[in-house]
Amino acid sequence: QVQLVESGGGLVQAGGSLRLSCAASGFTFRSYDMGWFRQAPRKAREFVAGISWSSGFTYYADSVKGRFTISKNNAVNTVYLQMNSLKPEDTAVYYCAKQQRSSSLSTRIAADYDYWGQGTQVTVSS
């Protein structure tokens, strides 16, 4: 069965960095786009970053562009989110997700992703 397991969250001061990892299993990882989303308390889940199946195309929410970098290692079935220059407003539970179709949609819509990890908490103190 499909499993996505995030790790790497934690508490960091504003301006600091964290790298999130998402280990995937149960599907042909190299054939699917992957995404990262986040959800802050009392807010809707929002798109953060996405990467095409070939890693040839990445796309970001405006709020994280230039600070976050998504990458994918097909050899170890893992997608990463490098987060630099963190701000208190980045505080949220971060989720990785698998795109529903094997054809690349480069989509920011949560409904286009069919499997989700359990999430990892990121807290940025001011």
Foldseek 3Di string as FASTA:
>chain_A
DWAWAKDWADEEAAQAKIKMKIAIDDDQQLLWKKFKWWDDPPGDIFGAKIAGSPSPDIDGDPVQPPFWDWGADSVRRMIMIIGGRDDQVVWTWMKMFTAPDSDDPRDGDPVRTDDIHPTDTHGYHD
